[in-house]
Amino acid sequence: MLTRILIGLALAVIGAVIVIKTNKLYEWFGSIDWADRNLGAGGSRLIYRVVGVSISLIGFMWATNLWTPFLRATIGEWLNLNPKNDYEYYLEQ
């Protein structure tokens, strides 16, 4: 349990650093042509920030053990993470 919390908090910190240091990442990796073309000026920085926020959210979900419930609630049916039991299947027929 402690490892899960530490890994989750590390991911959250990494995501926060990506958001805070967006300009430095932009200098290191350059612009993303697709983002600048489709999102307008500053699209590359926006993508870097979205990635950072996403990593932070994943880290917080990991640390609080909400990752699996989140996946089940959002894309569970698509990935068949919410299998119905035989009784519920029988009632649908």
PDB file of N, CA and C in Angstrom:
ATOM      1  N   MET A   1       0.810  -1.180   0.000  1.00  0.00           N
ATOM      2  CA  MET A   1       0.000   0.000   0.000  1.00  0.00           C
ATOM      3  C   MET A   1       0.868   1.264   0.000  1.00  0.00           C
ATOM      4  N   LEU A   2       1.934   1.225   0.748  1.00  0.00           N
ATOM      5  CA  LEU A   2       2.823   2.384   0.794  1.00  0.00           C
ATOM      6  C   LEU A   2       3.475   2.631  -0.563  1.00  0.00           C
ATOM      7  N   THR A   3       3.810   1.546  -1.251  1.00  0.00           N
ATOM      8  CA  THR A   3       4.417   1.728  -2.578  1.00  0.00           C
ATOM      9  C   THR A   3       3.437   2.364  -3.545  1.00  0.00           C
ATOM     10  N   ARG A   4       2.177   1.947  -3.477  1.00  0.00           N
ATOM     11  CA  ARG A   4       1.165   2.528  -4.356  1.00  0.00           C
ATOM     12  C   ARG A   4       1.047   4.028  -4.105  1.00  0.00           C
ATOM     13  N   ILE A   5       1.050   4.425  -2.841  1.00  0.00           N
ATOM     14  CA  ILE A   5       0.931   5.840  -2.506  1.00  0.00           C
ATOM     15  C   ILE A   5       2.156   6.613  -2.987  1.00  0.00           C
ATOM     16  N   LEU A   6       3.335   6.056  -2.770  1.00  0.00           N
ATOM     17  CA  LEU A   6       4.562   6.739  -3.200  1.00  0.00           C
ATOM     18  C   LEU A   6       4.644   6.864  -4.717  1.00  0.00           C
ATOM     19  N   ILE A   7       4.283   5.802  -5.425  1.00  0.00           N
ATOM     20  CA  ILE A   7       4.298   5.864  -6.899  1.00  0.00           C
ATOM     21  C   ILE A   7       3.283   6.881  -7.394  1.00  0.00           C
ATOM     22  N   GLY A   8       2.095   6.886  -6.806  1.00  0.00           N
ATOM     23  CA  GLY A   8       1.069   7.846  -7.205  1.00  0.00           C
ATOM     24  C   GLY A   8       1.484   9.279  -6.950  1.00  0.00           C
ATOM     25  N   LEU A   9       2.062   9.527  -5.790  1.00  0.00           N
ATOM     26  CA  LEU A   9       2.520  10.886  -5.496  1.00  0.00           C
ATOM     27  C   LEU A   9       3.681  11.293  -6.394  1.00  0.00           C
ATOM     28  N   ALA A  10       4.561  10.341  -6.729  1.00  0.00           N
ATOM     29  CA  ALA A  10       5.656  10.650  -7.651  1.00  0.00           C
ATOM     30  C   ALA A  10       5.100  11.032  -9.025  1.00  0.00           C
ATOM     31  N   LEU A  11       4.093  10.304  -9.499  1.00  0.00           N
ATOM     32  CA  LEU A  11       3.469  10.654 -10.777  1.00  0.00           C
ATOM     33  C   LEU A  11       2.818  12.037 -10.706  1.00  0.00           C
ATOM     34  N   ALA A  12       2.163  12.323  -9.591  1.00  0.00           N
ATOM     35  CA  ALA A  12       1.526  13.632  -9.443  1.00  0.00           C
ATOM     36  C   ALA A  12       2.559  14.747  -9.459  1.00  0.00           C
ATOM     37  N   VAL A  13       3.682  14.531  -8.813  1.00  0.00           N
ATOM     38  CA  VAL A  13       4.746  15.545  -8.796  1.00  0.00           C
ATOM     39  C   VAL A  13       5.349  15.711 -10.190  1.00  0.00           C
ATOM     40  N   ILE A  14       5.573  14.595 -10.891  1.00  0.00           N
ATOM     41  CA  ILE A  14       6.115  14.674 -12.255  1.00  0.00           C
ATOM     42  C   ILE A  14       5.167  15.461 -13.149  1.00  0.00           C
ATOM     43  N   GLY A  15       3.872  15.189 -13.049  1.00  0.00           N
ATOM     44  CA  GLY A  15       2.896  15.941 -13.833  1.00  0.00           C
ATOM     45  C   GLY A  15       2.898  17.415 -13.493  1.00  0.00           C
ATOM     46  N   ALA A  16       3.011  17.737 -12.207  1.00  0.00           N
ATOM     47  CA  ALA A  16       3.049  19.144 -11.804  1.00  0.00           C
ATOM     48  C   ALA A  16       4.298  19.831 -12.335  1.00  0.00           C
ATOM     49  N   VAL A  17       5.422  19.148 -12.313  1.00  0.00           N
ATOM     50  CA  VAL A  17       6.660  19.724 -12.850  1.00  0.00           C
ATOM     51  C   VAL A  17       6.530  19.965 -14.345  1.00  0.00           C
ATOM     52  N   ILE A  18       5.872  19.048 -15.047  1.00  0.00           N
ATOM     53  CA  ILE A  18       5.661  19.247 -16.495  1.00  0.00           C
ATOM     54  C   ILE A  18       4.824  20.496 -16.734  1.00  0.00           C
ATOM     55  N   VAL A  19       3.792  20.693 -15.925  1.00  0.00           N
ATOM     56  CA  VAL A  19       2.944  21.884 -16.097  1.00  0.00           C
ATOM     57  C   VAL A  19       3.720  23.149 -15.749  1.00  0.00           C
ATOM     58  N   ILE A  20       4.480  23.109 -14.671  1.00  0.00           N
ATOM     59  CA  ILE A  20       5.213  24.307 -14.230  1.00  0.00           C
ATOM     60  C   ILE A  20       6.345  24.654 -15.192  1.00  0.00           C
ATOM     61  N   LYS A  21       7.039  23.651 -15.687  1.00  0.00           N
ATOM     62  CA  LYS A  21       8.200  23.874 -16.560  1.00  0.00           C
ATOM     63  C   LYS A  21       7.866  23.681 -18.040  1.00  0.00           C
ATOM     64  N   THR A  22       6.678  24.079 -18.453  1.00  0.00           N
ATOM     65  CA  THR A  22       6.251  23.906 -19.839  1.00  0.00           C
ATOM     66  C   THR A  22       7.182  24.620 -20.815  1.00  0.00           C
ATOM     67  N   ASN A  23       7.611  25.827 -20.493  1.00  0.00           N
ATOM     68  CA  ASN A  23       8.486  26.570 -21.400  1.00  0.00           C
ATOM     69  C   ASN A  23       9.835  25.886 -21.570  1.00  0.00           C
ATOM     70  N   LYS A  24      10.373  25.316 -20.496  1.00  0.00           N
ATOM     71  CA  LYS A  24      11.650  24.600 -20.590  1.00  0.00           C
ATOM     72  C   LYS A  24      11.489  23.352 -21.469  1.00  0.00           C
ATOM     73  N   LEU A  25      10.377  22.634 -21.307  1.00  0.00           N
ATOM     74  CA  LEU A  25      10.118  21.473 -22.170  1.00  0.00           C
ATOM     75  C   LEU A  25       9.964  21.898 -23.625  1.00  0.00           C
ATOM     76  N   TYR A  26       9.321  23.040 -23.831  1.00  0.00           N
ATOM     77  CA  TYR A  26       9.162  23.560 -25.183  1.00  0.00           C
ATOM     78  C   TYR A  26      10.525  23.883 -25.798  1.00  0.00           C
ATOM     79  N   GLU A  27      11.440  24.418 -24.998  1.00  0.00           N
ATOM     80  CA  GLU A  27      12.787  24.701 -25.499  1.00  0.00           C
ATOM     81  C   GLU A  27      13.536  23.414 -25.811  1.00  0.00           C
ATOM     82  N   TRP A  28      13.389  22.393 -24.973  1.00  0.00           N
ATOM     83  CA  TRP A  28      14.116  21.138 -25.171  1.00  0.00           C
ATOM     84  C   TRP A  28      13.584  20.343 -26.360  1.00  0.00           C
ATOM     85  N   PHE A  29      12.247  20.191 -26.430  1.00  0.00           N
ATOM     86  CA  PHE A  29      11.666  19.294 -27.429  1.00  0.00           C
ATOM     87  C   PHE A  29      11.099  20.023 -28.640  1.00  0.00           C
ATOM     88  N   GLY A  30      10.937  21.311 -28.559  1.00  0.00           N
ATOM     89  CA  GLY A  30      10.455  22.075 -29.703  1.00  0.00           C
ATOM     90  C   GLY A  30       8.944  22.049 -29.823  1.00  0.00           C
ATOM     91  N   SER A  31       8.485  22.594 -30.935  1.00  0.00           N
ATOM     92  CA  SER A  31       7.041  22.700 -31.135  1.00  0.00           C
ATOM     93  C   SER A  31       6.493  21.403 -31.725  1.00  0.00           C
ATOM     94  N   ILE A  32       5.215  21.207 -31.514  1.00  0.00           N
ATOM     95  CA  ILE A  32       4.492  20.079 -32.096  1.00  0.00           C
ATOM     96  C   ILE A  32       3.674  20.665 -33.239  1.00  0.00           C
ATOM     97  N   ASP A  33       4.038  20.302 -34.455  1.00  0.00           N
ATOM     98  CA  ASP A  33       3.410  20.914 -35.627  1.00  0.00           C
ATOM     99  C   ASP A  33       1.901  20.721 -35.648  1.00  0.00           C
ATOM    100  N   TRP A  34       1.446  19.515 -35.318  1.00  0.00           N
ATOM    101  CA  TRP A  34       0.023  19.241 -35.329  1.00  0.00           C
ATOM    102  C   TRP A  34      -0.719  20.166 -34.364  1.00  0.00           C
ATOM    103  N   ALA A  35      -0.180  20.328 -33.181  1.00  0.00           N
ATOM    104  CA  ALA A  35      -0.841  21.161 -32.166  1.00  0.00           C
ATOM    105  C   ALA A  35      -0.862  22.621 -32.591  1.00  0.00           C
ATOM    106  N   ASP A  36       0.235  23.102 -33.130  1.00  0.00           N
ATOM    107  CA  ASP A  36       0.262  24.508 -33.563  1.00  0.00           C
ATOM    108  C   ASP A  36      -0.673  24.739 -34.741  1.00  0.00           C
ATOM    109  N   ARG A  37      -0.780  23.766 -35.608  1.00  0.00           N
ATOM    110  CA  ARG A  37      -1.637  23.916 -36.784  1.00  0.00           C
ATOM    111  C   ARG A  37      -3.125  23.855 -36.397  1.00  0.00           C
ATOM    112  N   ASN A  38      -3.497  22.920 -35.521  1.00  0.00           N
ATOM    113  CA  ASN A  38      -4.911  22.714 -35.215  1.00  0.00           C
ATOM    114  C   ASN A  38      -5.410  23.483 -33.996  1.00  0.00           C
ATOM    115  N   LEU A  39      -4.530  23.825 -33.091  1.00  0.00           N
ATOM    116  CA  LEU A  39      -4.945  24.527 -31.878  1.00  0.00           C
ATOM    117  C   LEU A  39      -4.545  25.995 -31.877  1.00  0.00           C
ATOM    118  N   GLY A  40      -3.865  26.423 -32.912  1.00  0.00           N
ATOM    119  CA  GLY A  40      -3.464  27.817 -33.011  1.00  0.00           C
ATOM    120  C   GLY A  40      -2.151  28.078 -32.307  1.00  0.00           C
ATOM    121  N   ALA A  41      -1.824  29.340 -32.164  1.00  0.00           N
ATOM    122  CA  ALA A  41      -0.574  29.719 -31.522  1.00  0.00           C
ATOM    123  C   ALA A  41      -0.589  29.254 -30.067  1.00  0.00           C
ATOM    124  N   GLY A  42       0.503  28.680 -29.631  1.00  0.00           N
ATOM    125  CA  GLY A  42       0.585  28.168 -28.270  1.00  0.00           C
ATOM    126  C   GLY A  42       0.031  26.776 -28.107  1.00  0.00           C
ATOM    127  N   GLY A  43      -0.292  26.112 -29.204  1.00  0.00           N
ATOM    128  CA  GLY A  43      -0.860  24.771 -29.141  1.00  0.00           C
ATOM    129  C   GLY A  43       0.097  23.746 -28.563  1.00  0.00           C
ATOM    130  N   SER A  44       1.392  23.908 -28.853  1.00  0.00           N
ATOM    131  CA  SER A  44       2.386  22.971 -28.317  1.00  0.00           C
ATOM    132  C   SER A  44       2.458  23.077 -26.799  1.00  0.00           C
ATOM    133  N   ARG A  45       2.473  24.282 -26.298  1.00  0.00           N
ATOM    134  CA  ARG A  45       2.508  24.461 -24.838  1.00  0.00           C
ATOM    135  C   ARG A  45       1.238  23.914 -24.193  1.00  0.00           C
ATOM    136  N   LEU A  46       0.110  24.082 -24.875  1.00  0.00           N
ATOM    137  CA  LEU A  46      -1.142  23.541 -24.369  1.00  0.00           C
ATOM    138  C   LEU A  46      -1.074  22.017 -24.275  1.00  0.00           C
ATOM    139  N   ILE A  47      -0.528  21.370 -25.288  1.00  0.00           N
ATOM    140  CA  ILE A  47      -0.401  19.906 -25.269  1.00  0.00           C
ATOM    141  C   ILE A  47       0.514  19.474 -24.133  1.00  0.00           C
ATOM    142  N   TYR A  48       1.628  20.167 -23.945  1.00  0.00           N
ATOM    143  CA  TYR A  48       2.523  19.819 -22.838  1.00  0.00           C
ATOM    144  C   TYR A  48       1.788  19.938 -21.499  1.00  0.00           C
ATOM    145  N   ARG A  49       0.981  20.967 -21.349  1.00  0.00           N
ATOM    146  CA  ARG A  49       0.255  21.151 -20.085  1.00  0.00           C
ATOM    147  C   ARG A  49      -0.830  20.099 -19.906  1.00  0.00           C
ATOM    148  N   VAL A  50      -1.516  19.747 -20.978  1.00  0.00           N
ATOM    149  CA  VAL A  50      -2.551  18.713 -20.889  1.00  0.00           C
ATOM    150  C   VAL A  50      -1.932  17.374 -20.495  1.00  0.00           C
ATOM    151  N   VAL A  51      -0.777  17.067 -21.054  1.00  0.00           N
ATOM    152  CA  VAL A  51      -0.077  15.832 -20.681  1.00  0.00           C
ATOM    153  C   VAL A  51       0.305  15.877 -19.201  1.00  0.00           C
ATOM    154  N   GLY A  52       0.805  17.002 -18.731  1.00  0.00           N
ATOM    155  CA  GLY A  52       1.182  17.131 -17.327  1.00  0.00           C
ATOM    156  C   GLY A  52       0.001  16.979 -16.385  1.00  0.00           C
ATOM    157  N   VAL A  53      -1.112  17.609 -16.714  1.00  0.00           N
ATOM    158  CA  VAL A  53      -2.305  17.491 -15.875  1.00  0.00           C
ATOM    159  C   VAL A  53      -2.823  16.055 -15.892  1.00  0.00           C
ATOM    160  N   SER A  54      -2.784  15.415 -17.048  1.00  0.00           N
ATOM    161  CA  SER A  54      -3.234  14.022 -17.141  1.00  0.00           C
ATOM    162  C   SER A  54      -2.373  13.104 -16.280  1.00  0.00           C
ATOM    163  N   ILE A  55      -1.066  13.296 -16.327  1.00  0.00           N
ATOM    164  CA  ILE A  55      -0.169  12.477 -15.508  1.00  0.00           C
ATOM    165  C   ILE A  55      -0.439  12.728 -14.025  1.00  0.00           C
ATOM    166  N   SER A  56      -0.693  13.968 -13.652  1.00  0.00           N
ATOM    167  CA  SER A  56      -1.008  14.276 -12.251  1.00  0.00           C
ATOM    168  C   SER A  56      -2.299  13.603 -11.811  1.00  0.00           C
ATOM    169  N   LEU A  57      -3.325  13.671 -12.638  1.00  0.00           N
ATOM    170  CA  LEU A  57      -4.593  13.033 -12.288  1.00  0.00           C
ATOM    171  C   LEU A  57      -4.446  11.522 -12.161  1.00  0.00           C
ATOM    172  N   ILE A  58      -3.703  10.924 -13.078  1.00  0.00           N
ATOM    173  CA  ILE A  58      -3.454   9.482 -12.993  1.00  0.00           C
ATOM    174  C   ILE A  58      -2.704   9.161 -11.707  1.00  0.00           C
ATOM    175  N   GLY A  59      -1.736   9.990 -11.349  1.00  0.00           N
ATOM    176  CA  GLY A  59      -0.988   9.775 -10.117  1.00  0.00           C
ATOM    177  C   GLY A  59      -1.864   9.847  -8.883  1.00  0.00           C
ATOM    178  N   PHE A  60      -2.763  10.844  -8.830  1.00  0.00           N
ATOM    179  CA  PHE A  60      -3.654  10.952  -7.683  1.00  0.00           C
ATOM    180  C   PHE A  60      -4.632   9.780  -7.623  1.00  0.00           C
ATOM    181  N   MET A  61      -5.122   9.353  -8.779  1.00  0.00           N
ATOM    182  CA  MET A  61      -6.018   8.193  -8.797  1.00  0.00           C
ATOM    183  C   MET A  61      -5.279   6.933  -8.363  1.00  0.00           C
ATOM    184  N   TRP A  62      -4.029   6.807  -8.760  1.00  0.00           N
ATOM    185  CA  TRP A  62      -3.226   5.657  -8.371  1.00  0.00           C
ATOM    186  C   TRP A  62      -2.974   5.661  -6.858  1.00  0.00           C
ATOM    187  N   ALA A  63      -2.630   6.815  -6.324  1.00  0.00           N
ATOM    188  CA  ALA A  63      -2.313   6.910  -4.896  1.00  0.00           C
ATOM    189  C   ALA A  63      -3.530   6.639  -4.021  1.00  0.00           C
ATOM    190  N   THR A  64      -4.708   7.052  -4.473  1.00  0.00           N
ATOM    191  CA  THR A  64      -5.918   6.864  -3.675  1.00  0.00           C
ATOM    192  C   THR A  64      -6.673   5.592  -4.044  1.00  0.00           C
ATOM    193  N   ASN A  65      -6.075   4.786  -4.894  1.00  0.00           N
ATOM    194  CA  ASN A  65      -6.646   3.499  -5.308  1.00  0.00           C
ATOM    195  C   ASN A  65      -7.984   3.673  -6.031  1.00  0.00           C
ATOM    196  N   LEU A  66      -8.112   4.730  -6.812  1.00  0.00           N
ATOM    197  CA  LEU A  66      -9.321   4.975  -7.580  1.00  0.00           C
ATOM    198  C   LEU A  66      -9.139   4.708  -9.069  1.00  0.00           C
ATOM    199  N   TRP A  67      -7.990   4.161  -9.464  1.00  0.00           N
ATOM    200  CA  TRP A  67      -7.704   3.930 -10.870  1.00  0.00           C
ATOM    201  C   TRP A  67      -8.664   2.912 -11.472  1.00  0.00           C
ATOM    202  N   THR A  68      -8.830   1.759 -10.821  1.00  0.00           N
ATOM    203  CA  THR A  68      -9.708   0.721 -11.342  1.00  0.00           C
ATOM    204  C   THR A  68     -11.172   1.167 -11.352  1.00  0.00           C
ATOM    205  N   PRO A  69     -11.697   1.776 -10.275  1.00  0.00           N
ATOM    206  CA  PRO A  69     -13.084   2.270 -10.369  1.00  0.00           C
ATOM    207  C   PRO A  69     -13.275   3.320 -11.460  1.00  0.00           C
ATOM    208  N   PHE A  70     -12.271   4.156 -11.681  1.00  0.00           N
ATOM    209  CA  PHE A  70     -12.373   5.151 -12.750  1.00  0.00           C
ATOM    210  C   PHE A  70     -12.471   4.472 -14.110  1.00  0.00           C
ATOM    211  N   LEU A  71     -11.621   3.476 -14.353  1.00  0.00           N
ATOM    212  CA  LEU A  71     -11.675   2.769 -15.632  1.00  0.00           C
ATOM    213  C   LEU A  71     -12.989   2.024 -15.799  1.00  0.00           C
ATOM    214  N   ARG A  72     -13.469   1.417 -14.731  1.00  0.00           N
ATOM    215  CA  ARG A  72     -14.744   0.705 -14.822  1.00  0.00           C
ATOM    216  C   ARG A  72     -15.893   1.663 -15.096  1.00  0.00           C
ATOM    217  N   ALA A  73     -15.861   2.843 -14.519  1.00  0.00           N
ATOM    218  CA  ALA A  73     -16.949   3.797 -14.705  1.00  0.00           C
ATOM    219  C   ALA A  73     -16.919   4.450 -16.080  1.00  0.00           C
ATOM    220  N   THR A  74     -15.726   4.630 -16.657  1.00  0.00           N
ATOM    221  CA  THR A  74     -15.644   5.355 -17.930  1.00  0.00           C
ATOM    222  C   THR A  74     -15.645   4.429 -19.138  1.00  0.00           C
ATOM    223  N   ILE A  75     -14.721   3.490 -19.175  1.00  0.00           N
ATOM    224  CA  ILE A  75     -14.615   2.626 -20.358  1.00  0.00           C
ATOM    225  C   ILE A  75     -14.757   1.152 -20.002  1.00  0.00           C
ATOM    226  N   GLY A  76     -15.401   0.874 -18.896  1.00  0.00           N
ATOM    227  CA  GLY A  76     -15.528  -0.497 -18.424  1.00  0.00           C
ATOM    228  C   GLY A  76     -16.314  -1.398 -19.354  1.00  0.00           C
ATOM    229  N   GLU A  77     -17.404  -0.918 -19.890  1.00  0.00           N
ATOM    230  CA  GLU A  77     -18.210  -1.733 -20.800  1.00  0.00           C
ATOM    231  C   GLU A  77     -17.449  -2.019 -22.095  1.00  0.00           C
ATOM    232  N   TRP A  78     -16.699  -1.033 -22.553  1.00  0.00           N
ATOM    233  CA  TRP A  78     -15.953  -1.190 -23.793  1.00  0.00           C
ATOM    234  C   TRP A  78     -14.840  -2.220 -23.645  1.00  0.00           C
ATOM    235  N   LEU A  79     -14.179  -2.213 -22.489  1.00  0.00           N
ATOM    236  CA  LEU A  79     -13.095  -3.167 -22.228  1.00  0.00           C
ATOM    237  C   LEU A  79     -13.583  -4.434 -21.529  1.00  0.00           C
ATOM    238  N   ASN A  80     -14.881  -4.536 -21.337  1.00  0.00           N
ATOM    239  CA  ASN A  80     -15.494  -5.678 -20.664  1.00  0.00           C
ATOM    240  C   ASN A  80     -14.946  -5.837 -19.247  1.00  0.00           C
ATOM    241  N   LEU A  81     -14.812  -4.728 -18.538  1.00  0.00           N
ATOM    242  CA  LEU A  81     -14.362  -4.760 -17.148  1.00  0.00           C
ATOM    243  C   LEU A  81     -15.525  -4.926 -16.182  1.00  0.00           C
ATOM    244  N   ASN A  82     -16.738  -4.792 -16.682  1.00  0.00           N
ATOM    245  CA  ASN A  82     -17.928  -4.949 -15.850  1.00  0.00           C
ATOM    246  C   ASN A  82     -18.745  -6.139 -16.349  1.00  0.00           C
ATOM    247  N   PRO A  83     -18.216  -7.339 -16.236  1.00  0.00           N
ATOM    248  CA  PRO A  83     -18.980  -8.477 -16.750  1.00  0.00           C
ATOM    249  C   PRO A  83     -20.226  -8.694 -15.905  1.00  0.00           C
ATOM    250  N   LYS A  84     -21.310  -8.967 -16.586  1.00  0.00           N
ATOM    251  CA  LYS A  84     -22.564  -9.206 -15.879  1.00  0.00           C
ATOM    252  C   LYS A  84     -22.579 -10.663 -15.406  1.00  0.00           C
ATOM    253  N   ASN A  85     -23.215 -10.877 -14.289  1.00  0.00           N
ATOM    254  CA  ASN A  85     -23.317 -12.255 -13.840  1.00  0.00           C
ATOM    255  C   ASN A  85     -24.408 -12.977 -14.634  1.00  0.00           C
ATOM    256  N   ASP A  86     -24.492 -14.256 -14.473  1.00  0.00           N
ATOM    257  CA  ASP A  86     -25.419 -15.057 -15.270  1.00  0.00           C
ATOM    258  C   ASP A  86     -26.869 -14.679 -15.016  1.00  0.00           C
ATOM    259  N   TYR A  87     -27.199 -14.291 -13.802  1.00  0.00           N
ATOM    260  CA  TYR A  87     -28.579 -13.931 -13.468  1.00  0.00           C
ATOM    261  C   TYR A  87     -29.008 -12.679 -14.223  1.00  0.00           C
ATOM    262  N   GLU A  88     -28.150 -11.642 -14.248  1.00  0.00           N
ATOM    263  CA  GLU A  88     -28.480 -10.424 -14.983  1.00  0.00           C
ATOM    264  C   GLU A  88     -28.586 -10.697 -16.488  1.00  0.00           C
ATOM    265  N   TYR A  89     -27.723 -11.552 -16.999  1.00  0.00           N
ATOM    266  CA  TYR A  89     -27.783 -11.905 -18.415  1.00  0.00           C
ATOM    267  C   TYR A  89     -29.085 -12.636 -18.717  1.00  0.00           C
ATOM    268  N   TYR A  90     -29.498 -13.524 -17.825  1.00  0.00           N
ATOM    269  CA  TYR A  90     -30.724 -14.295 -18.008  1.00  0.00           C
ATOM    270  C   TYR A  90     -31.935 -13.360 -18.013  1.00  0.00           C
ATOM    271  N   LEU A  91     -31.936 -12.333 -17.153  1.00  0.00           N
ATOM    272  CA  LEU A  91     -33.066 -11.417 -17.086  1.00  0.00           C
ATOM    273  C   LEU A  91     -33.188 -10.572 -18.346  1.00  0.00           C
ATOM    274  N   GLU A  92     -32.112 -10.325 -19.061  1.00  0.00           N
ATOM    275  CA  GLU A  92     -32.161  -9.517 -20.272  1.00  0.00           C
ATOM    276  C   GLU A  92     -32.752 -10.269 -21.442  1.00  0.00           C
ATOM    277  N   GLN A  93     -32.749 -11.579 -21.394  1.00  0.00           N
ATOM    278  CA  GLN A  93     -33.246 -12.386 -22.523  1.00  0.00           C
ATOM    279  C   GLN A  93     -34.740 -12.335 -22.657  1.00  0.00           C
TER     280      GLN A  93
END
